Each structure stands twice: as C-alpha cells, then as structure tokens.
Amino acid sequence: MEINITAQPQATIVAVTGRLDALTSEEFERQCTEALGSAPAMVIDLKELQYISSAGLRAILKLVKLSQAQKRELLLCSLQPAVLEVFKLSGFAGFLRLVDDQAAALTLL
C-alpha cells in the first residue's frame, strides 16, 4: 500500500494505492488520523485501491467516527467497482459520503 497525503485549502487529500487489509490498515489509520488533526476536511481518494478487507473497513469506520467527533467532513471518492461492491455489501455505502471523483468531493466542501 502507498499513501500520498496532500494538504489543500479546503481539505486534505489522501490517495491510497494498492491493498487496504490487515497488514496495511494500521498504518493507513495512523497517517489519516494524524492528517485529520490539522485538516478542515478530508477526502480519501480510492481510485488506485484494488482491494479492501474488513480490517480496512474498520480503519475507515474509525476515521468516520473521529471526523464526526471533531466536526470535520470526510468524503471518499473514485471507488473502483470491486471496492464499491464491498462498501455496498457491508452497508458502508449507506452512511458514508461517496462521490465520483476528487473534483466533485471538493465542490461539496
């Protein structure tokens, strides 16, 4: 997994490449939690994410709860079909803010 974090005026963009699973979810959660601390909002770009496991879903759920506690927006964008299917089957698509791409996410903030 590779994580690229970019601070922009309205949000911090977190681009994730590879797999978000039991081996990588802890590092993902740590880096995102750290980045969220100074961001007005966060957009997690999953365009290059090929796979997400339950451990990855759990890390995203923790970020959702943290962002809500800090009253910050959290959006996910550019989900690949296989990853989107996992979000739908797990019920996460029902409560997460999922948008088509980064540009759309930034216009919602």
N, C-alpha and C. Protein backbone atom coordinates (compact mmCIF):
# COMPACT_ATOMS: atom_id res chain seq x y z
N MET A 1 0.84 -1.18 0.00
CA MET A 1 0.00 0.00 0.00
C MET A 1 0.88 1.23 0.00
N GLU A 2 0.43 2.23 -0.72
CA GLU A 2 1.10 3.52 -0.74
C GLU A 2 0.06 4.59 -0.40
N ILE A 3 0.45 5.54 0.43
CA ILE A 3 -0.43 6.63 0.83
C ILE A 3 0.24 7.95 0.46
N ASN A 4 -0.49 8.79 -0.25
CA ASN A 4 0.01 10.10 -0.62
C ASN A 4 -0.94 11.14 -0.03
N ILE A 5 -0.45 11.98 0.87
CA ILE A 5 -1.27 12.97 1.54
C ILE A 5 -0.89 14.36 1.05
N THR A 6 -1.91 15.09 0.59
CA THR A 6 -1.71 16.43 0.06
C THR A 6 -2.66 17.39 0.76
N ALA A 7 -2.11 18.45 1.36
CA ALA A 7 -2.94 19.46 2.02
C ALA A 7 -3.37 20.50 1.00
N GLN A 8 -4.66 20.76 0.93
CA GLN A 8 -5.22 21.82 0.10
C GLN A 8 -6.00 22.75 1.02
N PRO A 9 -6.33 23.95 0.58
CA PRO A 9 -7.01 24.89 1.47
C PRO A 9 -8.31 24.36 2.09
N GLN A 10 -9.15 23.68 1.30
CA GLN A 10 -10.44 23.23 1.83
C GLN A 10 -10.43 21.82 2.39
N ALA A 11 -9.38 21.03 2.09
CA ALA A 11 -9.34 19.65 2.56
C ALA A 11 -7.96 19.04 2.38
N THR A 12 -7.72 18.01 3.16
CA THR A 12 -6.54 17.18 2.96
C THR A 12 -6.97 16.01 2.09
N ILE A 13 -6.20 15.76 1.03
CA ILE A 13 -6.49 14.66 0.12
C ILE A 13 -5.58 13.49 0.47
N VAL A 14 -6.18 12.31 0.69
CA VAL A 14 -5.42 11.10 0.98
C VAL A 14 -5.67 10.14 -0.18
N ALA A 15 -4.63 9.91 -0.98
CA ALA A 15 -4.74 8.98 -2.11
C ALA A 15 -4.10 7.66 -1.70
N VAL A 16 -4.86 6.59 -1.86
CA VAL A 16 -4.42 5.27 -1.42
C VAL A 16 -4.25 4.37 -2.65
N THR A 17 -3.11 3.70 -2.71
CA THR A 17 -2.80 2.80 -3.81
C THR A 17 -2.53 1.40 -3.26
N GLY A 18 -3.05 0.39 -3.94
CA GLY A 18 -2.75 -0.99 -3.55
C GLY A 18 -3.87 -1.66 -2.79
N ARG A 19 -3.51 -2.23 -1.63
CA ARG A 19 -4.45 -3.02 -0.82
C ARG A 19 -4.57 -2.42 0.57
N LEU A 20 -5.79 -2.35 1.06
CA LEU A 20 -6.05 -1.90 2.43
C LEU A 20 -6.58 -3.11 3.19
N ASP A 21 -5.69 -3.76 3.93
CA ASP A 21 -6.03 -5.01 4.59
C ASP A 21 -5.41 -5.07 5.98
N ALA A 22 -5.38 -6.24 6.57
CA ALA A 22 -4.87 -6.39 7.93
C ALA A 22 -3.41 -5.96 8.05
N LEU A 23 -2.64 -6.10 6.99
CA LEU A 23 -1.23 -5.73 7.04
C LEU A 23 -1.00 -4.22 6.90
N THR A 24 -1.94 -3.52 6.29
CA THR A 24 -1.73 -2.10 5.98
C THR A 24 -2.69 -1.15 6.69
N SER A 25 -3.77 -1.66 7.24
CA SER A 25 -4.81 -0.78 7.79
C SER A 25 -4.33 0.05 8.97
N GLU A 26 -3.44 -0.50 9.80
CA GLU A 26 -2.96 0.25 10.96
C GLU A 26 -2.16 1.49 10.52
N GLU A 27 -1.31 1.32 9.54
CA GLU A 27 -0.53 2.45 9.03
C GLU A 27 -1.44 3.47 8.34
N PHE A 28 -2.41 3.01 7.58
CA PHE A 28 -3.39 3.89 6.95
C PHE A 28 -4.12 4.71 8.00
N GLU A 29 -4.61 4.03 9.03
CA GLU A 29 -5.35 4.71 10.09
C GLU A 29 -4.46 5.74 10.80
N ARG A 30 -3.22 5.38 11.08
CA ARG A 30 -2.31 6.28 11.78
C ARG A 30 -2.05 7.54 10.96
N GLN A 31 -1.74 7.37 9.69
CA GLN A 31 -1.45 8.52 8.85
C GLN A 31 -2.68 9.41 8.64
N CYS A 32 -3.83 8.80 8.45
CA CYS A 32 -5.05 9.59 8.26
C CYS A 32 -5.46 10.32 9.53
N THR A 33 -5.32 9.67 10.67
CA THR A 33 -5.65 10.30 11.94
C THR A 33 -4.76 11.51 12.17
N GLU A 34 -3.50 11.37 11.87
CA GLU A 34 -2.55 12.46 12.01
C GLU A 34 -2.91 13.61 11.06
N ALA A 35 -3.23 13.29 9.83
CA ALA A 35 -3.57 14.31 8.84
C ALA A 35 -4.89 14.99 9.17
N LEU A 36 -5.85 14.26 9.71
CA LEU A 36 -7.15 14.82 10.03
C LEU A 36 -7.04 15.85 11.15
N GLY A 37 -6.06 15.69 12.01
CA GLY A 37 -5.89 16.60 13.13
C GLY A 37 -5.73 18.05 12.73
N SER A 38 -5.17 18.30 11.56
CA SER A 38 -4.93 19.68 11.13
C SER A 38 -5.74 20.07 9.90
N ALA A 39 -6.64 19.23 9.47
CA ALA A 39 -7.39 19.47 8.24
C ALA A 39 -8.81 19.95 8.53
N PRO A 40 -9.31 20.89 7.71
CA PRO A 40 -10.72 21.28 7.87
C PRO A 40 -11.67 20.18 7.42
N ALA A 41 -11.19 19.34 6.50
CA ALA A 41 -11.97 18.21 5.96
C ALA A 41 -10.97 17.24 5.33
N MET A 42 -11.48 16.02 5.03
CA MET A 42 -10.61 15.04 4.41
C MET A 42 -11.35 14.35 3.27
N VAL A 43 -10.63 14.18 2.16
CA VAL A 43 -11.14 13.41 1.03
C VAL A 43 -10.19 12.23 0.85
N ILE A 44 -10.74 11.02 0.93
CA ILE A 44 -9.94 9.82 0.73
C ILE A 44 -10.21 9.34 -0.70
N ASP A 45 -9.18 9.44 -1.52
CA ASP A 45 -9.29 9.07 -2.94
C ASP A 45 -8.86 7.62 -3.10
N LEU A 46 -9.80 6.78 -3.50
CA LEU A 46 -9.55 5.34 -3.61
C LEU A 46 -9.45 4.88 -5.07
N LYS A 47 -9.11 5.81 -5.95
CA LYS A 47 -9.01 5.49 -7.38
C LYS A 47 -8.05 4.35 -7.65
N GLU A 48 -6.95 4.27 -6.91
CA GLU A 48 -5.93 3.25 -7.13
C GLU A 48 -5.98 2.11 -6.11
N LEU A 49 -7.05 2.08 -5.29
CA LEU A 49 -7.19 0.99 -4.31
C LEU A 49 -7.78 -0.22 -5.02
N GLN A 50 -7.08 -1.34 -4.97
CA GLN A 50 -7.52 -2.53 -5.68
C GLN A 50 -8.31 -3.49 -4.79
N TYR A 51 -8.11 -3.40 -3.46
CA TYR A 51 -8.72 -4.37 -2.56
C TYR A 51 -8.87 -3.75 -1.18
N ILE A 52 -9.99 -4.05 -0.52
CA ILE A 52 -10.19 -3.64 0.87
C ILE A 52 -10.78 -4.81 1.64
N SER A 53 -10.22 -5.08 2.81
CA SER A 53 -10.70 -6.17 3.66
C SER A 53 -11.52 -5.58 4.81
N SER A 54 -11.99 -6.45 5.68
CA SER A 54 -12.74 -5.98 6.85
C SER A 54 -11.86 -5.10 7.75
N ALA A 55 -10.57 -5.39 7.80
CA ALA A 55 -9.66 -4.55 8.59
C ALA A 55 -9.58 -3.14 7.99
N GLY A 56 -9.60 -3.04 6.68
CA GLY A 56 -9.61 -1.74 6.02
C GLY A 56 -10.91 -1.00 6.26
N LEU A 57 -12.03 -1.72 6.22
CA LEU A 57 -13.32 -1.11 6.53
C LEU A 57 -13.35 -0.60 7.97
N ARG A 58 -12.79 -1.36 8.86
CA ARG A 58 -12.74 -0.96 10.27
C ARG A 58 -11.92 0.33 10.44
N ALA A 59 -10.81 0.44 9.72
CA ALA A 59 -9.98 1.65 9.79
C ALA A 59 -10.76 2.86 9.27
N ILE A 60 -11.51 2.67 8.19
CA ILE A 60 -12.32 3.77 7.66
C ILE A 60 -13.42 4.14 8.64
N LEU A 61 -14.05 3.15 9.26
CA LEU A 61 -15.08 3.42 10.25
C LEU A 61 -14.53 4.24 11.41
N LYS A 62 -13.33 3.91 11.87
CA LYS A 62 -12.71 4.68 12.95
C LYS A 62 -12.47 6.13 12.52
N LEU A 63 -12.06 6.33 11.27
CA LEU A 63 -11.86 7.68 10.76
C LEU A 63 -13.17 8.45 10.67
N VAL A 64 -14.24 7.77 10.28
CA VAL A 64 -15.56 8.39 10.22
C VAL A 64 -15.96 8.88 11.61
N LYS A 65 -15.81 8.02 12.59
CA LYS A 65 -16.17 8.40 13.97
C LYS A 65 -15.31 9.54 14.48
N LEU A 66 -14.03 9.52 14.18
CA LEU A 66 -13.13 10.59 14.60
C LEU A 66 -13.49 11.90 13.91
N SER A 67 -13.77 11.86 12.63
CA SER A 67 -14.13 13.08 11.92
C SER A 67 -15.45 13.65 12.44
N GLN A 68 -16.39 12.80 12.78
CA GLN A 68 -17.66 13.27 13.34
C GLN A 68 -17.43 13.91 14.72
N ALA A 69 -16.60 13.29 15.53
CA ALA A 69 -16.30 13.84 16.86
C ALA A 69 -15.61 15.19 16.76
N GLN A 70 -14.80 15.37 15.72
CA GLN A 70 -14.09 16.63 15.52
C GLN A 70 -14.87 17.61 14.64
N LYS A 71 -16.08 17.20 14.24
CA LYS A 71 -16.95 18.01 13.39
C LYS A 71 -16.26 18.41 12.08
N ARG A 72 -15.67 17.42 11.46
CA ARG A 72 -15.00 17.62 10.17
C ARG A 72 -15.64 16.71 9.13
N GLU A 73 -15.67 17.18 7.90
CA GLU A 73 -16.22 16.41 6.79
C GLU A 73 -15.24 15.31 6.37
N LEU A 74 -15.76 14.16 6.00
CA LEU A 74 -14.96 13.06 5.46
C LEU A 74 -15.71 12.49 4.26
N LEU A 75 -15.07 12.55 3.11
CA LEU A 75 -15.66 12.02 1.88
C LEU A 75 -14.71 11.01 1.26
N LEU A 76 -15.27 10.02 0.59
CA LEU A 76 -14.48 9.05 -0.16
C LEU A 76 -14.84 9.19 -1.62
N CYS A 77 -13.83 9.10 -2.49
CA CYS A 77 -14.12 9.29 -3.90
C CYS A 77 -13.40 8.26 -4.76
N SER A 78 -13.85 8.17 -6.00
CA SER A 78 -13.21 7.40 -7.06
C SER A 78 -13.06 5.91 -6.73
N LEU A 79 -14.10 5.32 -6.16
CA LEU A 79 -14.03 3.90 -5.80
C LEU A 79 -14.10 3.02 -7.04
N GLN A 80 -13.19 2.06 -7.13
CA GLN A 80 -13.21 1.07 -8.19
C GLN A 80 -14.44 0.17 -7.98
N PRO A 81 -14.98 -0.43 -9.04
CA PRO A 81 -16.18 -1.25 -8.91
C PRO A 81 -16.09 -2.34 -7.84
N ALA A 82 -14.97 -3.05 -7.76
CA ALA A 82 -14.84 -4.13 -6.77
C ALA A 82 -14.84 -3.58 -5.34
N VAL A 83 -14.19 -2.44 -5.15
CA VAL A 83 -14.15 -1.81 -3.82
C VAL A 83 -15.52 -1.25 -3.47
N LEU A 84 -16.18 -0.63 -4.43
CA LEU A 84 -17.53 -0.12 -4.20
C LEU A 84 -18.49 -1.24 -3.82
N GLU A 85 -18.34 -2.39 -4.44
CA GLU A 85 -19.19 -3.54 -4.12
C GLU A 85 -19.01 -3.98 -2.67
N VAL A 86 -17.77 -3.95 -2.17
CA VAL A 86 -17.52 -4.27 -0.76
C VAL A 86 -18.22 -3.27 0.15
N PHE A 87 -18.16 -1.99 -0.21
CA PHE A 87 -18.82 -0.96 0.58
C PHE A 87 -20.33 -1.17 0.58
N LYS A 88 -20.89 -1.56 -0.55
CA LYS A 88 -22.33 -1.81 -0.63
C LYS A 88 -22.74 -3.04 0.18
N LEU A 89 -22.00 -4.14 0.01
CA LEU A 89 -22.34 -5.38 0.71
C LEU A 89 -22.20 -5.25 2.22
N SER A 90 -21.26 -4.44 2.66
CA SER A 90 -21.02 -4.27 4.10
C SER A 90 -21.98 -3.26 4.72
N GLY A 91 -22.71 -2.52 3.89
CA GLY A 91 -23.61 -1.50 4.40
C GLY A 91 -22.95 -0.13 4.57
N PHE A 92 -21.66 -0.04 4.33
CA PHE A 92 -20.94 1.21 4.49
C PHE A 92 -21.41 2.27 3.49
N ALA A 93 -21.84 1.85 2.31
CA ALA A 93 -22.29 2.81 1.30
C ALA A 93 -23.52 3.58 1.76
N GLY A 94 -24.23 3.03 2.74
CA GLY A 94 -25.43 3.69 3.24
C GLY A 94 -25.17 4.87 4.16
N PHE A 95 -24.00 4.93 4.77
CA PHE A 95 -23.75 6.04 5.71
C PHE A 95 -22.50 6.85 5.39
N LEU A 96 -21.70 6.39 4.43
CA LEU A 96 -20.52 7.16 4.03
C LEU A 96 -20.88 8.11 2.90
N ARG A 97 -20.13 9.19 2.81
CA ARG A 97 -20.31 10.11 1.69
C ARG A 97 -19.37 9.68 0.58
N LEU A 98 -19.94 9.03 -0.43
CA LEU A 98 -19.18 8.52 -1.57
C LEU A 98 -19.48 9.40 -2.78
N VAL A 99 -18.43 9.89 -3.42
CA VAL A 99 -18.61 10.74 -4.59
C VAL A 99 -17.75 10.21 -5.74
N ASP A 100 -18.05 10.71 -6.94
CA ASP A 100 -17.41 10.18 -8.14
C ASP A 100 -15.91 10.42 -8.21
N ASP A 101 -15.47 11.65 -7.90
CA ASP A 101 -14.06 11.97 -8.05
C ASP A 101 -13.65 13.10 -7.11
N GLN A 102 -12.37 13.43 -7.12
CA GLN A 102 -11.85 14.47 -6.24
C GLN A 102 -12.49 15.81 -6.47
N ALA A 103 -12.67 16.17 -7.72
CA ALA A 103 -13.28 17.46 -8.04
C ALA A 103 -14.67 17.57 -7.45
N ALA A 104 -15.46 16.52 -7.59
CA ALA A 104 -16.82 16.52 -7.03
C ALA A 104 -16.77 16.61 -5.51
N ALA A 105 -15.83 15.91 -4.90
CA ALA A 105 -15.70 15.96 -3.44
C ALA A 105 -15.37 17.37 -2.97
N LEU A 106 -14.44 18.01 -3.64
CA LEU A 106 -14.03 19.35 -3.23
C LEU A 106 -15.13 20.39 -3.42
N THR A 107 -16.00 20.18 -4.41
CA THR A 107 -17.11 21.13 -4.60
C THR A 107 -18.17 20.97 -3.51
N LEU A 108 -18.23 19.81 -2.87
CA LEU A 108 -19.21 19.58 -1.80
C LEU A 108 -18.76 20.17 -0.45
N LEU A 109 -17.51 20.55 -0.36
CA LEU A 109 -17.00 21.05 0.92
C LEU A 109 -17.18 22.55 1.04
